[in-house]
C-alpha atoms as a PDB file:
ATOM      1  CA  MET A   1     -10.490  20.027  40.961  1.00  0.00           C
ATOM      2  CA  TYR A   2     -11.477  16.851  41.714  1.00  0.00           C
ATOM      3  CA  GLY A   3     -15.014  17.559  41.394  1.00  0.00           C
ATOM      4  CA  ILE A   4     -14.515  18.800  38.135  1.00  0.00           C
ATOM      5  CA  ARG A   5     -12.146  15.749  36.478  1.00  0.00           C
ATOM      6  CA  LEU A   6     -15.470  13.362  38.030  1.00  0.00           C
ATOM      7  CA  ARG A   7     -17.490  15.081  35.866  1.00  0.00           C
ATOM      8  CA  CYS A   8     -15.098  15.095  32.901  1.00  0.00           C
ATOM      9  CA  LEU A   9     -14.753  11.387  32.907  1.00  0.00           C
ATOM     10  CA  PRO A  10     -18.629  10.080  33.829  1.00  0.00           C
ATOM     11  CA  GLY A  11     -17.715   6.453  33.174  1.00  0.00           C
ATOM     12  CA  ILE A  12     -15.004   6.454  35.437  1.00  0.00           C
ATOM     13  CA  ILE A  13     -16.823   7.223  38.716  1.00  0.00           C
ATOM     14  CA  ASN A  14     -18.350   4.183  40.738  1.00  0.00           C
ATOM     15  CA  PRO A  15     -22.084   4.362  39.913  1.00  0.00           C
ATOM     16  CA  ASN A  16     -22.587   3.847  43.756  1.00  0.00           C
ATOM     17  CA  VAL A  17     -20.705   6.770  44.325  1.00  0.00           C
ATOM     18  CA  GLU A  18     -22.192   9.418  41.731  1.00  0.00           C
ATOM     19  CA  GLN A  19     -25.839   8.253  43.063  1.00  0.00           C
ATOM     20  CA  ASP A  20     -24.565   9.354  46.575  1.00  0.00           C
ATOM     21  CA  LEU A  21     -23.579  12.786  45.305  1.00  0.00           C
ATOM     22  CA  ASN A  22     -26.887  12.893  43.703  1.00  0.00           C
ATOM     23  CA  SER A  23     -28.749  12.151  46.518  1.00  0.00           C
ATOM     24  CA  HIS A  24     -26.541  14.225  49.129  1.00  0.00           C
ATOM     25  CA  GLN A  25     -27.247  17.174  46.004  1.00  0.00           C
ATOM     26  CA  LEU A  26     -31.166  16.389  46.405  1.00  0.00           C
ATOM     27  CA  ASN A  27     -31.601  16.079  49.785  1.00  0.00           C
ATOM     28  CA  THR A  28     -29.161  19.780  50.261  1.00  0.00           C
ATOM     29  CA  ARG A  29     -31.701  21.419  47.813  1.00  0.00           C
ATOM     30  CA  ARG A  30     -34.919  19.805  49.896  1.00  0.00           C
ATOM     31  CA  THR A  31     -33.452  21.174  53.577  1.00  0.00           C
ATOM     32  CA  THR A  32     -32.339  24.489  51.747  1.00  0.00           C
ATOM     33  CA  ARG A  33     -36.013  24.959  50.393  1.00  0.00           C
ATOM     34  CA  LEU A  34     -37.700  23.650  53.634  1.00  0.00           C
ATOM     35  CA  LYS A  35     -36.139  26.603  55.753  1.00  0.00           C
ATOM     36  CA  ALA A  36     -37.222  29.051  52.906  1.00  0.00           C
ATOM     37  CA  ASP A  37     -40.813  27.780  53.205  1.00  0.00           C
ATOM     38  CA  LEU A  38     -40.308  28.219  57.158  1.00  0.00           C
ATOM     39  CA  MET A  39     -39.054  31.518  56.992  1.00  0.00           C
ATOM     40  CA  LEU A  40     -41.852  32.218  54.304  1.00  0.00           C
ATOM     41  CA  LEU A  41     -44.914  30.817  57.210  1.00  0.00           C
ATOM     42  CA  SER A  42     -43.073  32.837  60.186  1.00  0.00           C
ATOM     43  CA  VAL A  43     -43.762  35.773  58.026  1.00  0.00           C
ATOM     44  CA  ALA A  44     -47.146  34.515  57.585  1.00  0.00           C
ATOM     45  CA  ILE A  45     -47.536  34.064  61.508  1.00  0.00           C
ATOM     46  CA  ILE A  46     -46.263  37.333  62.326  1.00  0.00           C
ATOM     47  CA  TRP A  47     -48.267  39.183  59.673  1.00  0.00           C
ATOM     48  CA  GLY A  48     -51.147  37.416  61.111  1.00  0.00           C
ATOM     49  CA  SER A  49     -50.440  38.514  64.861  1.00  0.00           C
ATOM     50  CA  ALA A  50     -49.934  41.465  63.607  1.00  0.00           C
ATOM     51  CA  PHE A  51     -53.914  41.925  62.387  1.00  0.00           C
ATOM     52  CA  VAL A  52     -54.993  41.397  66.575  1.00  0.00           C
ATOM     53  CA  VAL A  53     -51.986  43.915  67.508  1.00  0.00           C
ATOM     54  CA  GLN A  54     -53.470  47.088  65.126  1.00  0.00           C
ATOM     55  CA  ARG A  55     -56.632  45.907  66.341  1.00  0.00           C
ATOM     56  CA  VAL A  56     -56.198  46.242  69.849  1.00  0.00           C
ATOM     57  CA  ALA A  57     -54.189  50.000  69.155  1.00  0.00           C
ATOM     58  CA  ALA A  58     -57.052  51.139  66.688  1.00  0.00           C
ATOM     59  CA  PRO A  59     -59.291  52.644  69.410  1.00  0.00           C
ATOM     60  CA  HIS A  60     -56.056  54.033  71.641  1.00  0.00           C
ATOM     61  CA  VAL A  61     -54.852  56.219  68.663  1.00  0.00           C
ATOM     62  CA  GLY A  62     -54.651  58.198  66.043  1.00  0.00           C
ATOM     63  CA  ILE A  63     -54.639  55.922  62.657  1.00  0.00           C
ATOM     64  CA  PHE A  64     -52.083  57.987  60.980  1.00  0.00           C
ATOM     65  CA  THR A  65     -49.977  58.220  64.203  1.00  0.00           C
ATOM     66  CA  PHE A  66     -49.538  54.365  64.754  1.00  0.00           C
ATOM     67  CA  ASN A  67     -48.608  53.929  61.515  1.00  0.00           C
ATOM     68  CA  GLY A  68     -46.518  57.059  61.683  1.00  0.00           C
ATOM     69  CA  LEU A  69     -44.196  55.458  63.670  1.00  0.00           C
ATOM     70  CA  ARG A  70     -44.202  52.050  63.447  1.00  0.00           C
ATOM     71  CA  PHE A  71     -42.884  52.453  59.787  1.00  0.00           C
ATOM     72  CA  MET A  72     -40.559  55.055  60.942  1.00  0.00           C
ATOM     73  CA  LEU A  73     -38.764  52.592  63.174  1.00  0.00           C
ATOM     74  CA  ALA A  74     -38.969  49.993  60.804  1.00  0.00           C
ATOM     75  CA  ALA A  75     -37.135  52.279  58.605  1.00  0.00           C
ATOM     76  CA  TRP A  76     -34.711  52.894  61.233  1.00  0.00           C
ATOM     77  CA  VAL A  77     -34.063  49.230  62.005  1.00  0.00           C
ATOM     78  CA  LEU A  78     -33.371  48.594  58.504  1.00  0.00           C
ATOM     79  CA  LEU A  79     -30.989  50.983  57.739  1.00  0.00           C
ATOM     80  CA  PRO A  80     -28.032  49.834  58.897  1.00  0.00           C
ATOM     81  CA  ILE A  81     -28.346  47.131  56.467  1.00  0.00           C
ATOM     82  CA  ALA A  82     -29.328  49.360  53.510  1.00  0.00           C
ATOM     83  CA  VAL A  83     -26.282  51.360  53.858  1.00  0.00           C
ATOM     84  CA  ARG A  84     -24.121  48.458  54.441  1.00  0.00           C
ATOM     85  CA  ASN A  85     -25.046  47.051  51.259  1.00  0.00           C
ATOM     86  CA  ARG A  86     -25.135  50.498  49.886  1.00  0.00           C
ATOM     87  CA  LEU A  87     -21.397  50.844  49.950  1.00  0.00           C
ATOM     88  CA  ARG A  88     -20.662  47.194  49.191  1.00  0.00           C
ATOM     89  CA  SER A  89     -22.576  47.214  45.944  1.00  0.00           C
ATOM     90  CA  PRO A  90     -23.964  50.939  44.761  1.00  0.00           C
ATOM     91  CA  ALA A  91     -27.347  50.714  43.416  1.00  0.00           C
ATOM     92  CA  VAL A  92     -27.755  52.384  39.869  1.00  0.00           C
ATOM     93  CA  SER A  93     -30.646  54.980  40.815  1.00  0.00           C
ATOM     94  CA  ASN A  94     -32.241  57.787  38.727  1.00  0.00           C
ATOM     95  CA  LYS A  95     -34.868  60.628  39.219  1.00  0.00           C
ATOM     96  CA  LYS A  96     -37.281  57.865  37.687  1.00  0.00           C
ATOM     97  CA  THR A  97     -36.447  55.145  40.623  1.00  0.00           C
ATOM     98  CA  LEU A  98     -36.740  57.664  43.263  1.00  0.00           C
ATOM     99  CA  LEU A  99     -39.778  59.060  42.244  1.00  0.00           C
ATOM    100  CA  ALA A 100     -41.471  55.495  42.185  1.00  0.00           C
ATOM    101  CA  VAL A 101     -39.843  54.950  45.669  1.00  0.00           C
ATOM    102  CA  VAL A 102     -42.179  58.159  46.585  1.00  0.00           C
ATOM    103  CA  VAL A 103     -44.838  56.359  45.247  1.00  0.00           C
ATOM    104  CA  ALA A 104     -44.610  53.005  46.436  1.00  0.00           C
ATOM    105  CA  GLY A 105     -44.384  55.288  50.014  1.00  0.00           C
ATOM    106  CA  VAL A 106     -47.367  56.736  49.335  1.00  0.00           C
ATOM    107  CA  LEU A 107     -49.560  53.786  48.080  1.00  0.00           C
ATOM    108  CA  LEU A 108     -47.755  52.241  51.388  1.00  0.00           C
ATOM    109  CA  TRP A 109     -49.512  54.656  53.381  1.00  0.00           C
ATOM    110  CA  GLY A 110     -52.724  54.990  52.166  1.00  0.00           C
ATOM    111  CA  GLY A 111     -53.301  50.901  51.835  1.00  0.00           C
ATOM    112  CA  ALA A 112     -52.169  51.104  55.903  1.00  0.00           C
ATOM    113  CA  SER A 113     -54.442  53.923  56.927  1.00  0.00           C
ATOM    114  CA  LEU A 114     -57.114  52.369  55.345  1.00  0.00           C
ATOM    115  CA  GLN A 115     -56.087  48.668  57.173  1.00  0.00           C
ATOM    116  CA  GLN A 116     -55.755  50.433  60.316  1.00  0.00           C
ATOM    117  CA  ALA A 117     -59.080  52.441  60.115  1.00  0.00           C
ATOM    118  CA  GLY A 118     -60.988  49.290  58.979  1.00  0.00           C
ATOM    119  CA  LEU A 119     -59.894  47.806  62.194  1.00  0.00           C
ATOM    120  CA  ARG A 120     -61.839  49.784  64.443  1.00  0.00           C
ATOM    121  CA  TYR A 121     -65.064  48.731  63.079  1.00  0.00           C
ATOM    122  CA  THR A 122     -64.255  45.406  62.008  1.00  0.00           C
ATOM    123  CA  THR A 123     -62.239  42.006  63.219  1.00  0.00           C
ATOM    124  CA  ALA A 124     -58.837  40.726  62.910  1.00  0.00           C
ATOM    125  CA  ALA A 125     -60.284  38.038  60.781  1.00  0.00           C
ATOM    126  CA  ASN A 126     -61.862  39.566  58.404  1.00  0.00           C
ATOM    127  CA  ALA A 127     -59.356  42.498  57.982  1.00  0.00           C
ATOM    128  CA  GLY A 128     -56.970  39.545  57.424  1.00  0.00           C
ATOM    129  CA  PHE A 129     -59.413  37.422  54.417  1.00  0.00           C
ATOM    130  CA  ILE A 130     -60.455  41.333  53.046  1.00  0.00           C
ATOM    131  CA  THR A 131     -56.768  42.387  52.849  1.00  0.00           C
ATOM    132  CA  GLY A 132     -55.775  39.156  50.600  1.00  0.00           C
ATOM    133  CA  LEU A 133     -57.732  39.928  48.547  1.00  0.00           C
ATOM    134  CA  TYR A 134     -54.773  42.140  46.558  1.00  0.00           C
ATOM    135  CA  VAL A 135     -53.862  39.013  44.634  1.00  0.00           C
ATOM    136  CA  VAL A 136     -56.847  39.021  42.955  1.00  0.00           C
ATOM    137  CA  PHE A 137     -56.871  42.494  42.385  1.00  0.00           C
ATOM    138  CA  ILE A 138     -53.445  42.697  40.417  1.00  0.00           C
ATOM    139  CA  PRO A 139     -54.384  40.465  37.001  1.00  0.00           C
ATOM    140  CA  LEU A 140     -57.993  42.713  37.432  1.00  0.00           C
ATOM    141  CA  ILE A 141     -55.669  46.203  37.287  1.00  0.00           C
ATOM    142  CA  LEU A 142     -53.091  44.634  34.905  1.00  0.00           C
ATOM    143  CA  ALA A 143     -56.251  44.365  32.543  1.00  0.00           C
ATOM    144  CA  VAL A 144     -57.736  47.764  32.917  1.00  0.00           C
ATOM    145  CA  GLY A 145     -54.267  49.686  33.189  1.00  0.00           C
ATOM    146  CA  PHE A 146     -51.926  47.649  31.293  1.00  0.00           C
ATOM    147  CA  ARG A 147     -54.400  45.764  28.652  1.00  0.00           C
ATOM    148  CA  ARG A 148     -53.333  42.448  29.859  1.00  0.00           C
ATOM    149  CA  GLN A 149     -56.603  40.217  29.648  1.00  0.00           C
ATOM    150  CA  PRO A 150     -57.653  37.971  32.757  1.00  0.00           C
ATOM    151  CA  SER A 151     -57.726  34.481  32.131  1.00  0.00           C
ATOM    152  CA  LYS A 152     -60.992  32.412  32.778  1.00  0.00           C
ATOM    153  CA  TYR A 153     -59.342  31.172  35.803  1.00  0.00           C
ATOM    154  CA  ILE A 154     -59.042  34.588  37.146  1.00  0.00           C
ATOM    155  CA  TRP A 155     -61.973  35.747  36.518  1.00  0.00           C
ATOM    156  CA  THR A 156     -63.333  33.188  38.648  1.00  0.00           C
ATOM    157  CA  ALA A 157     -61.178  33.574  41.664  1.00  0.00           C
ATOM    158  CA  ALA A 158     -62.780  37.151  41.053  1.00  0.00           C
ATOM    159  CA  SER A 159     -66.100  35.821  41.349  1.00  0.00           C
ATOM    160  CA  LEU A 160     -65.320  33.545  44.509  1.00  0.00           C
ATOM    161  CA  SER A 161     -63.967  36.325  46.125  1.00  0.00           C
ATOM    162  CA  ALA A 162     -67.052  38.730  45.508  1.00  0.00           C
ATOM    163  CA  ILE A 163     -69.254  35.817  46.753  1.00  0.00           C
ATOM    164  CA  GLY A 164     -66.562  35.005  49.956  1.00  0.00           C
ATOM    165  CA  LEU A 165     -66.797  38.866  50.539  1.00  0.00           C
ATOM    166  CA  PHE A 166     -70.801  38.908  50.757  1.00  0.00           C
ATOM    167  CA  LEU A 167     -70.663  36.071  53.112  1.00  0.00           C
ATOM    168  CA  LEU A 168     -68.086  37.089  55.161  1.00  0.00           C
ATOM    169  CA  SER A 169     -68.725  41.078  55.837  1.00  0.00           C
ATOM    170  CA  THR A 170     -72.332  41.026  55.594  1.00  0.00           C
ATOM    171  CA  GLY A 171     -73.364  37.193  56.869  1.00  0.00           C
ATOM    172  CA  GLY A 172     -75.675  36.555  54.118  1.00  0.00           C
ATOM    173  CA  ARG A 173     -77.453  39.453  55.199  1.00  0.00           C
ATOM    174  CA  LEU A 174     -77.844  42.965  53.112  1.00  0.00           C
ATOM    175  CA  SER A 175     -75.597  44.803  55.058  1.00  0.00           C
ATOM    176  CA  LEU A 176     -72.441  45.863  54.180  1.00  0.00           C
ATOM    177  CA  ASN A 177     -69.795  46.460  57.406  1.00  0.00           C
ATOM    178  CA  PRO A 178     -68.469  49.814  57.332  1.00  0.00           C
ATOM    179  CA  GLY A 179     -65.050  48.466  58.619  1.00  0.00           C
ATOM    180  CA  ASP A 180     -64.740  45.928  55.950  1.00  0.00           C
ATOM    181  CA  VAL A 181     -65.660  48.432  52.832  1.00  0.00           C
ATOM    182  CA  LEU A 182     -62.203  50.461  54.723  1.00  0.00           C
ATOM    183  CA  GLU A 183     -60.211  47.076  54.376  1.00  0.00           C
ATOM    184  CA  LEU A 184     -61.452  46.119  50.430  1.00  0.00           C
ATOM    185  CA  ALA A 185     -60.210  49.979  49.614  1.00  0.00           C
ATOM    186  CA  GLY A 186     -57.062  49.266  51.065  1.00  0.00           C
ATOM    187  CA  ALA A 187     -56.624  46.172  48.992  1.00  0.00           C
ATOM    188  CA  VAL A 188     -56.539  47.975  46.208  1.00  0.00           C
ATOM    189  CA  PHE A 189     -53.867  50.451  47.595  1.00  0.00           C
ATOM    190  CA  TRP A 190     -51.684  47.091  48.659  1.00  0.00           C
ATOM    191  CA  ALA A 191     -52.440  46.044  44.531  1.00  0.00           C
ATOM    192  CA  LEU A 192     -51.077  48.889  43.423  1.00  0.00           C
ATOM    193  CA  HIS A 193     -48.361  48.972  45.446  1.00  0.00           C
ATOM    194  CA  VAL A 194     -47.529  45.061  44.878  1.00  0.00           C
ATOM    195  CA  ILE A 195     -47.498  45.771  40.805  1.00  0.00           C
ATOM    196  CA  LEU A 196     -45.076  48.806  41.507  1.00  0.00           C
ATOM    197  CA  ILE A 197     -42.774  47.002  44.034  1.00  0.00           C
ATOM    198  CA  GLY A 198     -42.282  44.279  40.951  1.00  0.00           C
ATOM    199  CA  TRP A 199     -41.167  46.777  38.513  1.00  0.00           C
ATOM    200  CA  LEU A 200     -39.318  48.841  41.591  1.00  0.00           C
ATOM    201  CA  VAL A 201     -37.111  45.430  42.733  1.00  0.00           C
ATOM    202  CA  GLN A 202     -35.731  45.212  39.335  1.00  0.00           C
ATOM    203  CA  ARG A 203     -33.580  48.417  39.306  1.00  0.00           C
ATOM    204  CA  LEU A 204     -33.275  49.109  43.021  1.00  0.00           C
ATOM    205  CA  GLU A 205     -31.364  47.466  46.012  1.00  0.00           C
ATOM    206  CA  VAL A 206     -34.475  45.625  48.254  1.00  0.00           C
ATOM    207  CA  PHE A 207     -33.645  47.233  51.561  1.00  0.00           C
ATOM    208  CA  GLN A 208     -32.702  50.531  50.009  1.00  0.00           C
ATOM    209  CA  MET A 209     -35.968  50.399  48.410  1.00  0.00           C
ATOM    210  CA  ALA A 210     -37.742  49.260  51.628  1.00  0.00           C
ATOM    211  CA  VAL A 211     -36.069  51.906  53.811  1.00  0.00           C
ATOM    212  CA  GLY A 212     -36.941  54.398  51.517  1.00  0.00           C
ATOM    213  CA  GLN A 213     -41.092  53.633  51.127  1.00  0.00           C
ATOM    214  CA  TYR A 214     -41.022  53.465  54.839  1.00  0.00           C
ATOM    215  CA  LEU A 215     -39.679  56.700  55.407  1.00  0.00           C
ATOM    216  CA  VAL A 216     -42.193  58.359  53.406  1.00  0.00           C
ATOM    217  CA  CYS A 217     -45.003  56.326  54.626  1.00  0.00           C
ATOM    218  CA  GLY A 218     -43.565  56.776  57.814  1.00  0.00           C
ATOM    219  CA  LEU A 219     -43.150  61.214  57.434  1.00  0.00           C
ATOM    220  CA  LEU A 220     -46.906  61.019  55.868  1.00  0.00           C
ATOM    221  CA  GLY A 221     -48.469  59.585  58.869  1.00  0.00           C
ATOM    222  CA  VAL A 222     -46.454  61.603  61.403  1.00  0.00           C
ATOM    223  CA  VAL A 223     -47.109  64.664  59.710  1.00  0.00           C
ATOM    224  CA  PHE A 224     -50.997  64.183  59.130  1.00  0.00           C
ATOM    225  CA  GLY A 225     -51.028  62.945  62.806  1.00  0.00           C
ATOM    226  CA  LEU A 226     -49.344  66.092  64.183  1.00  0.00           C
ATOM    227  CA  ALA A 227     -51.961  68.113  62.089  1.00  0.00           C
ATOM    228  CA  ILE A 228     -54.961  66.416  63.131  1.00  0.00           C
ATOM    229  CA  GLU A 229     -54.344  63.680  65.577  1.00  0.00           C
ATOM    230  CA  LEU A 230     -52.655  65.599  68.344  1.00  0.00           C
ATOM    231  CA  ASP A 231     -55.196  65.109  70.969  1.00  0.00           C
ATOM    232  CA  GLU A 232     -54.578  61.251  70.435  1.00  0.00           C
ATOM    233  CA  TRP A 233     -51.235  60.878  71.040  1.00  0.00           C
ATOM    234  CA  ASN A 234     -51.414  60.482  74.781  1.00  0.00           C
ATOM    235  CA  GLY A 235     -53.063  56.946  74.039  1.00  0.00           C
ATOM    236  CA  LEU A 236     -49.568  55.825  72.499  1.00  0.00           C
ATOM    237  CA  VAL A 237     -48.733  55.398  76.535  1.00  0.00           C
ATOM    238  CA  ASP A 238     -50.893  52.275  76.679  1.00  0.00           C
ATOM    239  CA  ILE A 239     -50.067  51.060  73.056  1.00  0.00           C
ATOM    240  CA  TRP A 240     -46.784  51.844  72.821  1.00  0.00           C
ATOM    241  CA  TRP A 241     -45.584  47.940  72.675  1.00  0.00           C
ATOM    242  CA  ALA A 242     -48.203  47.664  69.870  1.00  0.00           C
ATOM    243  CA  VAL A 243     -46.014  50.440  67.771  1.00  0.00           C
ATOM    244  CA  VAL A 244     -42.966  48.294  68.692  1.00  0.00           C
ATOM    245  CA  TYR A 245     -44.062  45.212  67.248  1.00  0.00           C
ATOM    246  CA  THR A 246     -45.577  46.119  64.468  1.00  0.00           C
ATOM    247  CA  GLY A 247     -42.100  48.175  63.346  1.00  0.00           C
ATOM    248  CA  LEU A 248     -39.946  45.826  64.696  1.00  0.00           C
ATOM    249  CA  PHE A 249     -41.530  42.675  63.614  1.00  0.00           C
ATOM    250  CA  SER A 250     -44.429  43.035  61.191  1.00  0.00           C
ATOM    251  CA  ALA A 251     -42.417  45.360  59.052  1.00  0.00           C
ATOM    252  CA  ALA A 252     -38.674  45.317  59.948  1.00  0.00           C
ATOM    253  CA  VAL A 253     -38.318  41.559  60.676  1.00  0.00           C
ATOM    254  CA  GLY A 254     -41.187  40.252  58.508  1.00  0.00           C
ATOM    255  CA  TYR A 255     -39.829  42.069  55.240  1.00  0.00           C
ATOM    256  CA  THR A 256     -36.327  41.124  56.091  1.00  0.00           C
ATOM    257  CA  LEU A 257     -37.369  36.999  56.234  1.00  0.00           C
ATOM    258  CA  GLN A 258     -39.815  37.691  53.663  1.00  0.00           C
ATOM    259  CA  ALA A 259     -36.955  38.477  51.086  1.00  0.00           C
ATOM    260  CA  ALA A 260     -34.659  35.802  52.155  1.00  0.00           C
ATOM    261  CA  GLY A 261     -37.299  33.276  51.749  1.00  0.00           C
ATOM    262  CA  GLN A 262     -38.526  34.281  48.507  1.00  0.00           C
ATOM    263  CA  ARG A 263     -34.351  34.130  47.207  1.00  0.00           C
ATOM    264  CA  ILE A 264     -34.763  30.491  47.705  1.00  0.00           C
ATOM    265  CA  ALA A 265     -38.471  29.227  47.574  1.00  0.00           C
ATOM    266  CA  PRO A 266     -40.517  29.091  44.661  1.00  0.00           C
ATOM    267  CA  PRO A 267     -42.688  31.627  43.537  1.00  0.00           C
ATOM    268  CA  ALA A 268     -45.878  29.149  44.243  1.00  0.00           C
ATOM    269  CA  ASP A 269     -44.625  27.936  47.178  1.00  0.00           C
ATOM    270  CA  ALA A 270     -43.960  31.945  48.581  1.00  0.00           C
ATOM    271  CA  ALA A 271     -47.368  32.967  47.398  1.00  0.00           C
ATOM    272  CA  ILE A 272     -49.373  30.042  49.337  1.00  0.00           C
ATOM    273  CA  ILE A 273     -47.975  30.395  52.206  1.00  0.00           C
ATOM    274  CA  LEU A 274     -47.436  34.058  52.267  1.00  0.00           C
ATOM    275  CA  SER A 275     -51.759  34.074  51.856  1.00  0.00           C
ATOM    276  CA  ILE A 276     -51.430  31.938  54.944  1.00  0.00           C
ATOM    277  CA  GLU A 277     -51.608  35.124  56.958  1.00  0.00           C
ATOM    278  CA  ALA A 278     -55.326  35.351  56.880  1.00  0.00           C
ATOM    279  CA  VAL A 279     -55.800  32.436  58.415  1.00  0.00           C
ATOM    280  CA  PHE A 280     -53.562  33.080  61.084  1.00  0.00           C
ATOM    281  CA  ALA A 281     -55.504  36.409  61.797  1.00  0.00           C
ATOM    282  CA  ALA A 282     -58.624  34.951  62.253  1.00  0.00           C
ATOM    283  CA  LEU A 283     -56.758  32.244  64.521  1.00  0.00           C
ATOM    284  CA  PHE A 284     -55.138  34.893  66.637  1.00  0.00           C
ATOM    285  CA  GLY A 285     -58.308  36.784  66.724  1.00  0.00           C
ATOM    286  CA  TRP A 286     -59.975  34.162  67.746  1.00  0.00           C
ATOM    287  CA  LEU A 287     -57.510  33.121  70.703  1.00  0.00           C
ATOM    288  CA  LEU A 288     -56.551  36.296  72.148  1.00  0.00           C
ATOM    289  CA  LEU A 289     -59.436  38.471  71.653  1.00  0.00           C
ATOM    290  CA  GLY A 290     -62.069  35.597  71.057  1.00  0.00           C
ATOM    291  CA  GLU A 291     -63.542  37.184  67.857  1.00  0.00           C
ATOM    292  CA  LEU A 292     -65.799  34.336  66.899  1.00  0.00           C
ATOM    293  CA  LEU A 293     -67.324  34.005  63.408  1.00  0.00           C
ATOM    294  CA  ASP A 294     -70.869  32.495  62.273  1.00  0.00           C
ATOM    295  CA  PRO A 295     -71.071  29.794  60.227  1.00  0.00           C
ATOM    296  CA  ILE A 296     -71.648  31.089  56.896  1.00  0.00           C
ATOM    297  CA  GLN A 297     -68.730  34.056  57.684  1.00  0.00           C
ATOM    298  CA  LEU A 298     -66.461  30.787  58.055  1.00  0.00           C
ATOM    299  CA  ILE A 299     -67.849  29.812  54.598  1.00  0.00           C
ATOM    300  CA  GLY A 300     -66.977  33.132  53.461  1.00  0.00           C
ATOM    301  CA  CYS A 301     -63.597  32.650  54.584  1.00  0.00           C
ATOM    302  CA  GLY A 302     -63.120  29.508  52.962  1.00  0.00           C
ATOM    303  CA  VAL A 303     -64.535  31.035  49.459  1.00  0.00           C
ATOM    304  CA  ILE A 304     -62.326  33.943  49.745  1.00  0.00           C
ATOM    305  CA  PHE A 305     -59.315  31.756  50.383  1.00  0.00           C
ATOM    306  CA  SER A 306     -59.941  29.730  47.474  1.00  0.00           C
ATOM    307  CA  GLY A 307     -60.198  32.521  45.089  1.00  0.00           C
ATOM    308  CA  ILE A 308     -56.684  33.710  46.675  1.00  0.00           C
ATOM    309  CA  LEU A 309     -55.266  30.066  45.910  1.00  0.00           C
ATOM    310  CA  LEU A 310     -56.499  30.175  42.341  1.00  0.00           C
ATOM    311  CA  ALA A 311     -55.152  33.123  41.442  1.00  0.00           C
ATOM    312  CA  GLN A 312     -51.873  32.564  42.857  1.00  0.00           C
ATOM    313  CA  VAL A 313     -51.294  28.724  41.629  1.00  0.00           C
ATOM    314  CA  TYR A 314     -52.324  29.797  37.949  1.00  0.00           C
ATOM    315  CA  THR A 315     -50.322  32.892  37.834  1.00  0.00           C
ATOM    316  CA  PHE A 316     -46.961  30.851  38.337  1.00  0.00           C
ATOM    317  CA  ARG A 317     -48.106  28.431  36.322  1.00  0.00           C
ATOM    318  CA  THR A 318     -48.511  30.709  33.605  1.00  0.00           C
END
């Protein structure tokens, strides 16, 4: 009540008190924003490290089996939160949104499968930077599918990304790494997934949507794993920890922190900070796996990262 009276009588307020209040509010907003940015930075670190964990797991267990189990684990971890939110505020869902959740799960399964397959033949750094190209693909897909003409900035970002991809994947030689091709195909799936999720989050509660798509992705992975990878299930004995890490931290914890951070942080902050996961993928690949990049490949990483940042900064300025 006193706050309302003070605001209604600005001439009576002591200028020093008013300045202190404004300063306090500004500091509070800055602290809140800093906490959100640190949450998103934690997500980038977790996701960057996950490329290394997936790289270690790739030779030991089937692609579908690994992804199926880790996404099923993530779904079960987030399920209590989704149920609680459902009871507190029932979400409005219909056949269209439910179908969209299923499609999102299929796209997630496709992107994750291609990513894991690519990690059998390429490095964590390559996978991280090439996966990040989904940011550039999104406006291009929207241009083709929804007739949204990309600006010259997006075309510049796409050109930079293409040059960077060539330098990173080939080292300047005319030979494309097959693992990088799989990662590039996966980036298209990630772009489609992000576009669909952008539509879906406006119509369905976040955690219910997450659990739904994780269940679809996990079930597809387990079914395909049982059908064509049954002889590789023994490998789980050696890399069970990778399933737990990527299921709990990369998917469940990472997704939760991302949602919490993006509620507060400005879109440009969130996009740029999350894109740093590619840098952490390269860093952890070097620290933990001894993966080294040639100077020309490092230049390629820098060019790709420039394209990703250009695409994101322009997107959130328009």
